[in-house]
Amino acid sequence: MSDQQTHPAYGTHKILRHPEKLDALKDGKVSAPIAVRVKPENLCDHSCHFCSYATGFGDNMEPNLLAQLVKKRDRIPESKMMEILTDFREMGVRGVTYSGGGEPLIYPHITESLKRTLDYGL
């Protein structure tokens, strides 16, 4: 059974579970996103051959432009991450996915970030 069958909130009709978002759209109002993706860290301790941020991506193993543009040392400072999460709560964001150009679990403030995410009900 697919995720769409077992978890309809993940399907293509997700917006229908949030009628207030449809009302805002109809009224021409700006509304916060239902869910956001945060990339806290660009460093990665994996070497996944399929990663689009890897220096040798794809069959031809040539350096790709995305890998050249990503600054591996980029990281969201802890104070900024906490500010972002507070903003999400105040805006009415409902969900946060931690992903990235790196491995989010090596972000030095991931524990605090996840705790705050849960404390805010995101």
PDB file of N, CA and C in Angstrom:
ATOM      1  N   MET A   1       0.846  -1.173   0.000  1.00  0.00           N
ATOM      2  CA  MET A   1       0.000   0.000   0.000  1.00  0.00           C
ATOM      3  C   MET A   1       0.898   1.246   0.000  1.00  0.00           C
ATOM      4  N   SER A   2       0.594   2.213  -0.821  1.00  0.00           N
ATOM      5  CA  SER A   2       1.412   3.421  -0.913  1.00  0.00           C
ATOM      6  C   SER A   2       1.133   4.353   0.268  1.00  0.00           C
ATOM      7  N   ASP A   3       2.071   5.302   0.490  1.00  0.00           N
ATOM      8  CA  ASP A   3       1.882   6.308   1.541  1.00  0.00           C
ATOM      9  C   ASP A   3       0.610   7.115   1.319  1.00  0.00           C
ATOM     10  N   GLN A   4       0.271   7.350   0.055  1.00  0.00           N
ATOM     11  CA  GLN A   4      -0.935   8.123  -0.244  1.00  0.00           C
ATOM     12  C   GLN A   4      -2.187   7.387   0.192  1.00  0.00           C
ATOM     13  N   GLN A   5      -2.152   6.071   0.151  1.00  0.00           N
ATOM     14  CA  GLN A   5      -3.319   5.294   0.575  1.00  0.00           C
ATOM     15  C   GLN A   5      -3.387   5.188   2.090  1.00  0.00           C
ATOM     16  N   THR A   6      -2.239   5.038   2.745  1.00  0.00           N
ATOM     17  CA  THR A   6      -2.230   4.869   4.197  1.00  0.00           C
ATOM     18  C   THR A   6      -2.208   6.199   4.934  1.00  0.00           C
ATOM     19  N   HIS A   7      -1.658   7.225   4.320  1.00  0.00           N
ATOM     20  CA  HIS A   7      -1.542   8.544   4.931  1.00  0.00           C
ATOM     21  C   HIS A   7      -2.023   9.611   3.941  1.00  0.00           C
ATOM     22  N   PRO A   8      -3.324   9.836   3.850  1.00  0.00           N
ATOM     23  CA  PRO A   8      -3.830  10.769   2.847  1.00  0.00           C
ATOM     24  C   PRO A   8      -3.285  12.183   2.975  1.00  0.00           C
ATOM     25  N   ALA A   9      -2.762  12.546   4.148  1.00  0.00           N
ATOM     26  CA  ALA A   9      -2.194  13.888   4.308  1.00  0.00           C
ATOM     27  C   ALA A   9      -0.954  14.080   3.450  1.00  0.00           C
ATOM     28  N   TYR A  10      -0.342  12.980   2.993  1.00  0.00           N
ATOM     29  CA  TYR A  10       0.852  13.064   2.168  1.00  0.00           C
ATOM     30  C   TYR A  10       0.543  13.025   0.683  1.00  0.00           C
ATOM     31  N   GLY A  11      -0.689  12.901   0.317  1.00  0.00           N
ATOM     32  CA  GLY A  11      -1.057  12.749  -1.076  1.00  0.00           C
ATOM     33  C   GLY A  11      -1.103  14.073  -1.818  1.00  0.00           C
ATOM     34  N   THR A  12      -1.538  13.989  -3.057  1.00  0.00           N
ATOM     35  CA  THR A  12      -1.605  15.160  -3.921  1.00  0.00           C
ATOM     36  C   THR A  12      -2.735  16.107  -3.537  1.00  0.00           C
ATOM     37  N   HIS A  13      -3.618  15.690  -2.655  1.00  0.00           N
ATOM     38  CA  HIS A  13      -4.742  16.525  -2.240  1.00  0.00           C
ATOM     39  C   HIS A  13      -4.548  17.105  -0.843  1.00  0.00           C
ATOM     40  N   LYS A  14      -3.304  17.215  -0.408  1.00  0.00           N
ATOM     41  CA  LYS A  14      -2.983  17.689   0.940  1.00  0.00           C
ATOM     42  C   LYS A  14      -3.636  19.037   1.236  1.00  0.00           C
ATOM     43  N   ILE A  15      -3.658  19.925   0.279  1.00  0.00           N
ATOM     44  CA  ILE A  15      -4.209  21.263   0.493  1.00  0.00           C
ATOM     45  C   ILE A  15      -5.674  21.202   0.928  1.00  0.00           C
ATOM     46  N   LEU A  16      -6.391  20.168   0.533  1.00  0.00           N
ATOM     47  CA  LEU A  16      -7.799  20.052   0.905  1.00  0.00           C
ATOM     48  C   LEU A  16      -7.984  19.806   2.397  1.00  0.00           C
ATOM     49  N   ARG A  17      -6.941  19.381   3.071  1.00  0.00           N
ATOM     50  CA  ARG A  17      -6.997  19.189   4.520  1.00  0.00           C
ATOM     51  C   ARG A  17      -6.778  20.504   5.267  1.00  0.00           C
ATOM     52  N   HIS A  18      -6.549  21.577   4.524  1.00  0.00           N
ATOM     53  CA  HIS A  18      -6.283  22.888   5.115  1.00  0.00           C
ATOM     54  C   HIS A  18      -7.162  23.951   4.456  1.00  0.00           C
ATOM     55  N   PRO A  19      -8.466  23.916   4.724  1.00  0.00           N
ATOM     56  CA  PRO A  19      -9.379  24.841   4.049  1.00  0.00           C
ATOM     57  C   PRO A  19      -9.058  26.307   4.310  1.00  0.00           C
ATOM     58  N   GLU A  20      -8.444  26.614   5.455  1.00  0.00           N
ATOM     59  CA  GLU A  20      -8.084  28.006   5.743  1.00  0.00           C
ATOM     60  C   GLU A  20      -7.056  28.533   4.742  1.00  0.00           C
ATOM     61  N   LYS A  21      -6.222  27.663   4.215  1.00  0.00           N
ATOM     62  CA  LYS A  21      -5.238  28.059   3.196  1.00  0.00           C
ATOM     63  C   LYS A  21      -5.945  28.358   1.877  1.00  0.00           C
ATOM     64  N   LEU A  22      -6.943  27.552   1.553  1.00  0.00           N
ATOM     65  CA  LEU A  22      -7.723  27.802   0.333  1.00  0.00           C
ATOM     66  C   LEU A  22      -8.505  29.108   0.456  1.00  0.00           C
ATOM     67  N   ASP A  23      -9.071  29.365   1.638  1.00  0.00           N
ATOM     68  CA  ASP A  23      -9.800  30.614   1.856  1.00  0.00           C
ATOM     69  C   ASP A  23      -8.884  31.818   1.702  1.00  0.00           C
ATOM     70  N   ALA A  24      -7.674  31.741   2.267  1.00  0.00           N
ATOM     71  CA  ALA A  24      -6.715  32.842   2.148  1.00  0.00           C
ATOM     72  C   ALA A  24      -6.347  33.072   0.693  1.00  0.00           C
ATOM     73  N   LEU A  25      -6.127  31.997  -0.045  1.00  0.00           N
ATOM     74  CA  LEU A  25      -5.795  32.105  -1.460  1.00  0.00           C
ATOM     75  C   LEU A  25      -6.932  32.761  -2.230  1.00  0.00           C
ATOM     76  N   LYS A  26      -8.156  32.332  -1.939  1.00  0.00           N
ATOM     77  CA  LYS A  26      -9.338  32.882  -2.607  1.00  0.00           C
ATOM     78  C   LYS A  26      -9.481  34.376  -2.313  1.00  0.00           C
ATOM     79  N   ASP A  27      -9.142  34.775  -1.073  1.00  0.00           N
ATOM     80  CA  ASP A  27      -9.264  36.172  -0.662  1.00  0.00           C
ATOM     81  C   ASP A  27      -8.053  37.016  -1.024  1.00  0.00           C
ATOM     82  N   GLY A  28      -7.077  36.416  -1.701  1.00  0.00           N
ATOM     83  CA  GLY A  28      -5.895  37.154  -2.126  1.00  0.00           C
ATOM     84  C   GLY A  28      -4.943  37.480  -0.989  1.00  0.00           C
ATOM     85  N   LYS A  29      -5.018  36.729   0.100  1.00  0.00           N
ATOM     86  CA  LYS A  29      -4.148  36.974   1.254  1.00  0.00           C
ATOM     87  C   LYS A  29      -2.922  36.071   1.196  1.00  0.00           C
ATOM     88  N   VAL A  30      -1.842  36.572   1.754  1.00  0.00           N
ATOM     89  CA  VAL A  30      -0.627  35.787   1.865  1.00  0.00           C
ATOM     90  C   VAL A  30      -0.757  34.917   3.106  1.00  0.00           C
ATOM     91  N   SER A  31      -0.491  33.653   2.951  1.00  0.00           N
ATOM     92  CA  SER A  31      -0.613  32.698   4.038  1.00  0.00           C
ATOM     93  C   SER A  31       0.710  31.955   4.205  1.00  0.00           C
ATOM     94  N   ALA A  32       1.038  31.609   5.439  1.00  0.00           N
ATOM     95  CA  ALA A  32       2.272  30.858   5.695  1.00  0.00           C
ATOM     96  C   ALA A  32       2.189  29.487   5.038  1.00  0.00           C
ATOM     97  N   PRO A  33       3.307  28.930   4.656  1.00  0.00           N
ATOM     98  CA  PRO A  33       3.283  27.569   4.115  1.00  0.00           C
ATOM     99  C   PRO A  33       2.846  26.572   5.187  1.00  0.00           C
ATOM    100  N   ILE A  34       2.281  25.485   4.763  1.00  0.00           N
ATOM    101  CA  ILE A  34       1.875  24.427   5.683  1.00  0.00           C
ATOM    102  C   ILE A  34       3.114  23.768   6.276  1.00  0.00           C
ATOM    103  N   ALA A  35       4.085  23.506   5.449  1.00  0.00           N
ATOM    104  CA  ALA A  35       5.324  22.872   5.883  1.00  0.00           C
ATOM    105  C   ALA A  35       6.503  23.538   5.193  1.00  0.00           C
ATOM    106  N   VAL A  36       7.624  23.521   5.867  1.00  0.00           N
ATOM    107  CA  VAL A  36       8.847  24.102   5.316  1.00  0.00           C
ATOM    108  C   VAL A  36       9.987  23.100   5.424  1.00  0.00           C
ATOM    109  N   ARG A  37      10.999  23.318   4.621  1.00  0.00           N
ATOM    110  CA  ARG A  37      12.205  22.506   4.660  1.00  0.00           C
ATOM    111  C   ARG A  37      13.356  23.391   5.100  1.00  0.00           C
ATOM    112  N   VAL A  38      14.121  22.942   6.081  1.00  0.00           N
ATOM    113  CA  VAL A  38      15.255  23.692   6.606  1.00  0.00           C
ATOM    114  C   VAL A  38      16.523  22.887   6.344  1.00  0.00           C
ATOM    115  N   LYS A  39      17.526  23.573   5.837  1.00  0.00           N
ATOM    116  CA  LYS A  39      18.829  22.958   5.600  1.00  0.00           C
ATOM    117  C   LYS A  39      19.816  23.572   6.593  1.00  0.00           C
ATOM    118  N   PRO A  40      19.975  22.966   7.769  1.00  0.00           N
ATOM    119  CA  PRO A  40      20.812  23.595   8.789  1.00  0.00           C
ATOM    120  C   PRO A  40      22.316  23.513   8.528  1.00  0.00           C
ATOM    121  N   GLU A  41      22.732  22.590   7.691  1.00  0.00           N
ATOM    122  CA  GLU A  41      24.147  22.250   7.585  1.00  0.00           C
ATOM    123  C   GLU A  41      24.464  21.793   6.173  1.00  0.00           C
ATOM    124  N   ASN A  42      25.626  22.183   5.657  1.00  0.00           N
ATOM    125  CA  ASN A  42      26.044  21.695   4.348  1.00  0.00           C
ATOM    126  C   ASN A  42      27.103  20.610   4.422  1.00  0.00           C
ATOM    127  N   LEU A  43      27.711  20.419   5.578  1.00  0.00           N
ATOM    128  CA  LEU A  43      28.688  19.338   5.715  1.00  0.00           C
ATOM    129  C   LEU A  43      27.972  17.994   5.719  1.00  0.00           C
ATOM    130  N   CYS A  44      28.667  16.983   5.231  1.00  0.00           N
ATOM    131  CA  CYS A  44      28.086  15.646   5.203  1.00  0.00           C
ATOM    132  C   CYS A  44      29.177  14.622   5.462  1.00  0.00           C
ATOM    133  N   ASP A  45      28.835  13.599   6.240  1.00  0.00           N
ATOM    134  CA  ASP A  45      29.790  12.541   6.528  1.00  0.00           C
ATOM    135  C   ASP A  45      29.493  11.262   5.736  1.00  0.00           C
ATOM    136  N   HIS A  46      28.700  11.396   4.704  1.00  0.00           N
ATOM    137  CA  HIS A  46      28.382  10.269   3.824  1.00  0.00           C
ATOM    138  C   HIS A  46      29.019  10.513   2.452  1.00  0.00           C
ATOM    139  N   SER A  47      29.042   9.506   1.647  1.00  0.00           N
ATOM    140  CA  SER A  47      29.559   9.629   0.273  1.00  0.00           C
ATOM    141  C   SER A  47      28.577   8.959  -0.687  1.00  0.00           C
ATOM    142  N   CYS A  48      27.348   9.402  -0.646  1.00  0.00           N
ATOM    143  CA  CYS A  48      26.308   8.782  -1.469  1.00  0.00           C
ATOM    144  C   CYS A  48      26.559   9.064  -2.944  1.00  0.00           C
ATOM    145  N   HIS A  49      26.612   8.026  -3.754  1.00  0.00           N
ATOM    146  CA  HIS A  49      26.886   8.193  -5.175  1.00  0.00           C
ATOM    147  C   HIS A  49      25.756   8.920  -5.900  1.00  0.00           C
ATOM    148  N   PHE A  50      24.554   8.929  -5.329  1.00  0.00           N
ATOM    149  CA  PHE A  50      23.401   9.554  -5.988  1.00  0.00           C
ATOM    150  C   PHE A  50      23.160  10.991  -5.544  1.00  0.00           C
ATOM    151  N   CYS A  51      23.980  11.507  -4.643  1.00  0.00           N
ATOM    152  CA  CYS A  51      23.760  12.841  -4.077  1.00  0.00           C
ATOM    153  C   CYS A  51      24.004  13.927  -5.115  1.00  0.00           C
ATOM    154  N   SER A  52      23.032  14.818  -5.261  1.00  0.00           N
ATOM    155  CA  SER A  52      23.181  15.906  -6.231  1.00  0.00           C
ATOM    156  C   SER A  52      24.177  16.958  -5.761  1.00  0.00           C
ATOM    157  N   TYR A  53      24.591  16.895  -4.495  1.00  0.00           N
ATOM    158  CA  TYR A  53      25.600  17.825  -3.982  1.00  0.00           C
ATOM    159  C   TYR A  53      27.003  17.242  -4.049  1.00  0.00           C
ATOM    160  N   ALA A  54      27.118  15.981  -4.455  1.00  0.00           N
ATOM    161  CA  ALA A  54      28.427  15.335  -4.528  1.00  0.00           C
ATOM    162  C   ALA A  54      29.224  15.891  -5.689  1.00  0.00           C
ATOM    163  N   THR A  55      30.534  15.852  -5.560  1.00  0.00           N
ATOM    164  CA  THR A  55      31.369  16.410  -6.625  1.00  0.00           C
ATOM    165  C   THR A  55      31.358  15.540  -7.872  1.00  0.00           C
ATOM    166  N   GLY A  56      31.144  14.253  -7.749  1.00  0.00           N
ATOM    167  CA  GLY A  56      31.054  13.373  -8.908  1.00  0.00           C
ATOM    168  C   GLY A  56      29.675  12.774  -8.983  1.00  0.00           C
ATOM    169  N   PHE A  57      28.741  13.494  -9.539  1.00  0.00           N
ATOM    170  CA  PHE A  57      27.338  13.072  -9.551  1.00  0.00           C
ATOM    171  C   PHE A  57      26.962  12.538 -10.921  1.00  0.00           C
ATOM    172  N   GLY A  58      26.275  11.422 -10.945  1.00  0.00           N
ATOM    173  CA  GLY A  58      25.759  10.890 -12.200  1.00  0.00           C
ATOM    174  C   GLY A  58      26.693   9.869 -12.824  1.00  0.00           C
ATOM    175  N   ASP A  59      26.290   9.397 -13.980  1.00  0.00           N
ATOM    176  CA  ASP A  59      27.030   8.332 -14.642  1.00  0.00           C
ATOM    177  C   ASP A  59      28.407   8.778 -15.148  1.00  0.00           C
ATOM    178  N   ASN A  60      28.483  10.038 -15.584  1.00  0.00           N
ATOM    179  CA  ASN A  60      29.750  10.479 -16.159  1.00  0.00           C
ATOM    180  C   ASN A  60      30.751  10.932 -15.095  1.00  0.00           C
ATOM    181  N   MET A  61      30.307  11.033 -13.817  1.00  0.00           N
ATOM    182  CA  MET A  61      31.154  11.379 -12.689  1.00  0.00           C
ATOM    183  C   MET A  61      31.916  12.685 -12.884  1.00  0.00           C
ATOM    184  N   GLU A  62      31.352  13.584 -13.672  1.00  0.00           N
ATOM    185  CA  GLU A  62      31.956  14.901 -13.824  1.00  0.00           C
ATOM    186  C   GLU A  62      31.462  15.796 -12.698  1.00  0.00           C
ATOM    187  N   PRO A  63      32.283  16.726 -12.247  1.00  0.00           N
ATOM    188  CA  PRO A  63      31.828  17.648 -11.207  1.00  0.00           C
ATOM    189  C   PRO A  63      30.578  18.388 -11.677  1.00  0.00           C
ATOM    190  N   ASN A  64      29.588  18.489 -10.807  1.00  0.00           N
ATOM    191  CA  ASN A  64      28.384  19.195 -11.221  1.00  0.00           C
ATOM    192  C   ASN A  64      28.372  20.606 -10.649  1.00  0.00           C
ATOM    193  N   LEU A  65      27.593  21.465 -11.262  1.00  0.00           N
ATOM    194  CA  LEU A  65      27.540  22.872 -10.893  1.00  0.00           C
ATOM    195  C   LEU A  65      27.027  23.060  -9.470  1.00  0.00           C
ATOM    196  N   LEU A  66      26.016  22.306  -9.063  1.00  0.00           N
ATOM    197  CA  LEU A  66      25.462  22.453  -7.720  1.00  0.00           C
ATOM    198  C   LEU A  66      26.533  22.174  -6.667  1.00  0.00           C
ATOM    199  N   ALA A  67      27.308  21.137  -6.859  1.00  0.00           N
ATOM    200  CA  ALA A  67      28.371  20.807  -5.912  1.00  0.00           C
ATOM    201  C   ALA A  67      29.402  21.929  -5.839  1.00  0.00           C
ATOM    202  N   GLN A  68      29.634  22.599  -6.955  1.00  0.00           N
ATOM    203  CA  GLN A  68      30.603  23.688  -6.977  1.00  0.00           C
ATOM    204  C   GLN A  68      30.057  24.944  -6.292  1.00  0.00           C
ATOM    205  N   LEU A  69      28.736  25.136  -6.317  1.00  0.00           N
ATOM    206  CA  LEU A  69      28.136  26.331  -5.738  1.00  0.00           C
ATOM    207  C   LEU A  69      27.918  26.236  -4.226  1.00  0.00           C
ATOM    208  N   VAL A  70      27.719  25.030  -3.723  1.00  0.00           N
ATOM    209  CA  VAL A  70      27.439  24.840  -2.297  1.00  0.00           C
ATOM    210  C   VAL A  70      28.711  25.049  -1.491  1.00  0.00           C
ATOM    211  N   LYS A  71      28.620  25.908  -0.510  1.00  0.00           N
ATOM    212  CA  LYS A  71      29.742  26.127   0.400  1.00  0.00           C
ATOM    213  C   LYS A  71      29.614  25.132   1.537  1.00  0.00           C
ATOM    214  N   LYS A  72      30.488  24.168   1.573  1.00  0.00           N
ATOM    215  CA  LYS A  72      30.385  23.060   2.523  1.00  0.00           C
ATOM    216  C   LYS A  72      30.403  23.524   3.978  1.00  0.00           C
ATOM    217  N   ARG A  73      30.991  24.640   4.263  1.00  0.00           N
ATOM    218  CA  ARG A  73      31.088  25.105   5.649  1.00  0.00           C
ATOM    219  C   ARG A  73      29.897  25.965   6.065  1.00  0.00           C
ATOM    220  N   ASP A  74      28.947  26.182   5.165  1.00  0.00           N
ATOM    221  CA  ASP A  74      27.770  26.980   5.531  1.00  0.00           C
ATOM    222  C   ASP A  74      26.944  26.243   6.571  1.00  0.00           C
ATOM    223  N   ARG A  75      26.490  27.006   7.571  1.00  0.00           N
ATOM    224  CA  ARG A  75      25.725  26.433   8.665  1.00  0.00           C
ATOM    225  C   ARG A  75      24.887  27.562   9.264  1.00  0.00           C
ATOM    226  N   ILE A  76      23.669  27.263   9.640  1.00  0.00           N
ATOM    227  CA  ILE A  76      22.816  28.259  10.296  1.00  0.00           C
ATOM    228  C   ILE A  76      23.272  28.388  11.747  1.00  0.00           C
ATOM    229  N   PRO A  77      23.634  29.593  12.194  1.00  0.00           N
ATOM    230  CA  PRO A  77      24.014  29.771  13.593  1.00  0.00           C
ATOM    231  C   PRO A  77      22.843  29.414  14.515  1.00  0.00           C
ATOM    232  N   GLU A  78      23.157  28.932  15.709  1.00  0.00           N
ATOM    233  CA  GLU A  78      22.123  28.480  16.640  1.00  0.00           C
ATOM    234  C   GLU A  78      21.102  29.575  16.939  1.00  0.00           C
ATOM    235  N   SER A  79      21.539  30.787  17.181  1.00  0.00           N
ATOM    236  CA  SER A  79      20.588  31.868  17.500  1.00  0.00           C
ATOM    237  C   SER A  79      19.648  32.142  16.329  1.00  0.00           C
ATOM    238  N   LYS A  80      20.160  32.062  15.118  1.00  0.00           N
ATOM    239  CA  LYS A  80      19.318  32.277  13.933  1.00  0.00           C
ATOM    240  C   LYS A  80      18.333  31.126  13.760  1.00  0.00           C
ATOM    241  N   MET A  81      18.767  29.896  14.031  1.00  0.00           N
ATOM    242  CA  MET A  81      17.871  28.742  13.923  1.00  0.00           C
ATOM    243  C   MET A  81      16.712  28.884  14.907  1.00  0.00           C
ATOM    244  N   MET A  82      17.005  29.306  16.133  1.00  0.00           N
ATOM    245  CA  MET A  82      15.946  29.467  17.131  1.00  0.00           C
ATOM    246  C   MET A  82      14.990  30.593  16.716  1.00  0.00           C
ATOM    247  N   GLU A  83      15.539  31.648  16.128  1.00  0.00           N
ATOM    248  CA  GLU A  83      14.705  32.745  15.616  1.00  0.00           C
ATOM    249  C   GLU A  83      13.805  32.266  14.478  1.00  0.00           C
ATOM    250  N   ILE A  84      14.367  31.477  13.588  1.00  0.00           N
ATOM    251  CA  ILE A  84      13.595  30.929  12.461  1.00  0.00           C
ATOM    252  C   ILE A  84      12.438  30.075  12.976  1.00  0.00           C
ATOM    253  N   LEU A  85      12.728  29.213  13.952  1.00  0.00           N
ATOM    254  CA  LEU A  85      11.680  28.342  14.495  1.00  0.00           C
ATOM    255  C   LEU A  85      10.594  29.153  15.191  1.00  0.00           C
ATOM    256  N   THR A  86      10.984  30.212  15.894  1.00  0.00           N
ATOM    257  CA  THR A  86       9.995  31.102  16.525  1.00  0.00           C
ATOM    258  C   THR A  86       9.134  31.766  15.458  1.00  0.00           C
ATOM    259  N   ASP A  87       9.764  32.210  14.381  1.00  0.00           N
ATOM    260  CA  ASP A  87       9.013  32.814  13.269  1.00  0.00           C
ATOM    261  C   ASP A  87       8.022  31.818  12.672  1.00  0.00           C
ATOM    262  N   PHE A  88       8.468  30.576  12.483  1.00  0.00           N
ATOM    263  CA  PHE A  88       7.570  29.558  11.947  1.00  0.00           C
ATOM    264  C   PHE A  88       6.340  29.395  12.835  1.00  0.00           C
ATOM    265  N   ARG A  89       6.559  29.318  14.139  1.00  0.00           N
ATOM    266  CA  ARG A  89       5.439  29.160  15.079  1.00  0.00           C
ATOM    267  C   ARG A  89       4.480  30.352  14.964  1.00  0.00           C
ATOM    268  N   GLU A  90       5.026  31.561  14.951  1.00  0.00           N
ATOM    269  CA  GLU A  90       4.197  32.763  14.891  1.00  0.00           C
ATOM    270  C   GLU A  90       3.451  32.877  13.563  1.00  0.00           C
ATOM    271  N   MET A  91       4.043  32.376  12.492  1.00  0.00           N
ATOM    272  CA  MET A  91       3.414  32.430  11.173  1.00  0.00           C
ATOM    273  C   MET A  91       2.328  31.380  11.004  1.00  0.00           C
ATOM    274  N   GLY A  92       2.369  30.327  11.814  1.00  0.00           N
ATOM    275  CA  GLY A  92       1.391  29.261  11.679  1.00  0.00           C
ATOM    276  C   GLY A  92       1.856  28.084  10.850  1.00  0.00           C
ATOM    277  N   VAL A  93       3.161  27.973  10.627  1.00  0.00           N
ATOM    278  CA  VAL A  93       3.699  26.806   9.930  1.00  0.00           C
ATOM    279  C   VAL A  93       3.368  25.578  10.771  1.00  0.00           C
ATOM    280  N   ARG A  94       3.030  24.495  10.099  1.00  0.00           N
ATOM    281  CA  ARG A  94       2.617  23.292  10.828  1.00  0.00           C
ATOM    282  C   ARG A  94       3.674  22.200  10.873  1.00  0.00           C
ATOM    283  N   GLY A  95       4.597  22.208   9.930  1.00  0.00           N
ATOM    284  CA  GLY A  95       5.582  21.138   9.892  1.00  0.00           C
ATOM    285  C   GLY A  95       6.930  21.605   9.386  1.00  0.00           C
ATOM    286  N   VAL A  96       7.982  20.976   9.891  1.00  0.00           N
ATOM    287  CA  VAL A  96       9.350  21.278   9.474  1.00  0.00           C
ATOM    288  C   VAL A  96      10.033  19.968   9.103  1.00  0.00           C
ATOM    289  N   THR A  97      10.688  19.974   7.958  1.00  0.00           N
ATOM    290  CA  THR A  97      11.525  18.852   7.543  1.00  0.00           C
ATOM    291  C   THR A  97      12.962  19.338   7.558  1.00  0.00           C
ATOM    292  N   TYR A  98      13.816  18.611   8.247  1.00  0.00           N
ATOM    293  CA  TYR A  98      15.234  18.937   8.254  1.00  0.00           C
ATOM    294  C   TYR A  98      15.912  18.086   7.192  1.00  0.00           C
ATOM    295  N   SER A  99      16.555  18.757   6.242  1.00  0.00           N
ATOM    296  CA  SER A  99      17.259  18.067   5.171  1.00  0.00           C
ATOM    297  C   SER A  99      18.480  18.902   4.845  1.00  0.00           C
ATOM    298  N   GLY A 100      18.959  18.813   3.634  1.00  0.00           N
ATOM    299  CA  GLY A 100      20.021  19.735   3.316  1.00  0.00           C
ATOM    300  C   GLY A 100      20.966  19.330   2.234  1.00  0.00           C
ATOM    301  N   GLY A 101      21.905  20.228   2.025  1.00  0.00           N
ATOM    302  CA  GLY A 101      23.028  19.972   1.153  1.00  0.00           C
ATOM    303  C   GLY A 101      24.061  19.160   1.911  1.00  0.00           C
ATOM    304  N   GLY A 102      23.748  18.920   3.176  1.00  0.00           N
ATOM    305  CA  GLY A 102      24.593  18.120   4.047  1.00  0.00           C
ATOM    306  C   GLY A 102      23.728  17.198   4.879  1.00  0.00           C
ATOM    307  N   GLU A 103      24.320  16.611   5.890  1.00  0.00           N
ATOM    308  CA  GLU A 103      23.619  15.703   6.791  1.00  0.00           C
ATOM    309  C   GLU A 103      23.121  16.501   7.991  1.00  0.00           C
ATOM    310  N   PRO A 104      21.804  16.698   8.119  1.00  0.00           N
ATOM    311  CA  PRO A 104      21.291  17.532   9.211  1.00  0.00           C
ATOM    312  C   PRO A 104      21.601  16.995  10.604  1.00  0.00           C
ATOM    313  N   LEU A 105      21.830  15.701  10.726  1.00  0.00           N
ATOM    314  CA  LEU A 105      22.088  15.150  12.054  1.00  0.00           C
ATOM    315  C   LEU A 105      23.499  15.447  12.568  1.00  0.00           C
ATOM    316  N   ILE A 106      24.389  15.986  11.722  1.00  0.00           N
ATOM    317  CA  ILE A 106      25.693  16.407  12.239  1.00  0.00           C
ATOM    318  C   ILE A 106      25.702  17.896  12.586  1.00  0.00           C
ATOM    319  N   TYR A 107      24.583  18.563  12.353  1.00  0.00           N
ATOM    320  CA  TYR A 107      24.452  19.962  12.761  1.00  0.00           C
ATOM    321  C   TYR A 107      24.644  20.025  14.277  1.00  0.00           C
ATOM    322  N   PRO A 108      25.553  20.855  14.772  1.00  0.00           N
ATOM    323  CA  PRO A 108      25.862  20.828  16.202  1.00  0.00           C
ATOM    324  C   PRO A 108      24.697  21.217  17.113  1.00  0.00           C
ATOM    325  N   HIS A 109      23.667  21.848  16.565  1.00  0.00           N
ATOM    326  CA  HIS A 109      22.529  22.296  17.380  1.00  0.00           C
ATOM    327  C   HIS A 109      21.249  21.550  17.015  1.00  0.00           C
ATOM    328  N   ILE A 110      21.398  20.356  16.443  1.00  0.00           N
ATOM    329  CA  ILE A 110      20.212  19.626  15.987  1.00  0.00           C
ATOM    330  C   ILE A 110      19.326  19.210  17.156  1.00  0.00           C
ATOM    331  N   THR A 111      19.911  18.812  18.279  1.00  0.00           N
ATOM    332  CA  THR A 111      19.098  18.392  19.422  1.00  0.00           C
ATOM    333  C   THR A 111      18.231  19.543  19.915  1.00  0.00           C
ATOM    334  N   GLU A 112      18.835  20.713  20.083  1.00  0.00           N
ATOM    335  CA  GLU A 112      18.080  21.881  20.522  1.00  0.00           C
ATOM    336  C   GLU A 112      17.022  22.272  19.496  1.00  0.00           C
ATOM    337  N   SER A 113      17.383  22.170  18.226  1.00  0.00           N
ATOM    338  CA  SER A 113      16.443  22.529  17.154  1.00  0.00           C
ATOM    339  C   SER A 113      15.251  21.585  17.130  1.00  0.00           C
ATOM    340  N   LEU A 114      15.512  20.301  17.248  1.00  0.00           N
ATOM    341  CA  LEU A 114      14.419  19.327  17.245  1.00  0.00           C
ATOM    342  C   LEU A 114      13.532  19.484  18.480  1.00  0.00           C
ATOM    343  N   LYS A 115      14.141  19.736  19.621  1.00  0.00           N
ATOM    344  CA  LYS A 115      13.360  19.953  20.841  1.00  0.00           C
ATOM    345  C   LYS A 115      12.462  21.171  20.686  1.00  0.00           C
ATOM    346  N   ARG A 116      13.015  22.261  20.179  1.00  0.00           N
ATOM    347  CA  ARG A 116      12.225  23.474  19.976  1.00  0.00           C
ATOM    348  C   ARG A 116      11.104  23.227  18.962  1.00  0.00           C
ATOM    349  N   THR A 117      11.417  22.491  17.911  1.00  0.00           N
ATOM    350  CA  THR A 117      10.409  22.149  16.902  1.00  0.00           C
ATOM    351  C   THR A 117       9.236  21.424  17.549  1.00  0.00           C
ATOM    352  N   LEU A 118       9.528  20.448  18.375  1.00  0.00           N
ATOM    353  CA  LEU A 118       8.480  19.702  19.057  1.00  0.00           C
ATOM    354  C   LEU A 118       7.756  20.558  20.085  1.00  0.00           C
ATOM    355  N   ASP A 119       8.506  21.348  20.864  1.00  0.00           N
ATOM    356  CA  ASP A 119       7.904  22.212  21.877  1.00  0.00           C
ATOM    357  C   ASP A 119       6.916  23.197  21.239  1.00  0.00           C
ATOM    358  N   TYR A 120       7.228  23.633  20.029  1.00  0.00           N
ATOM    359  CA  TYR A 120       6.348  24.587  19.319  1.00  0.00           C
ATOM    360  C   TYR A 120       5.214  23.898  18.589  1.00  0.00           C
ATOM    361  N   GLY A 121       5.202  22.586  18.593  1.00  0.00           N
ATOM    362  CA  GLY A 121       4.123  21.854  17.927  1.00  0.00           C
ATOM    363  C   GLY A 121       4.227  21.882  16.415  1.00  0.00           C
ATOM    364  N   LEU A 122       5.431  22.060  15.915  1.00  0.00           N
ATOM    365  CA  LEU A 122       5.629  22.102  14.458  1.00  0.00           C
ATOM    366  C   LEU A 122       5.788  20.687  13.923  1.00  0.00           C
TER     367      LEU A 122
END
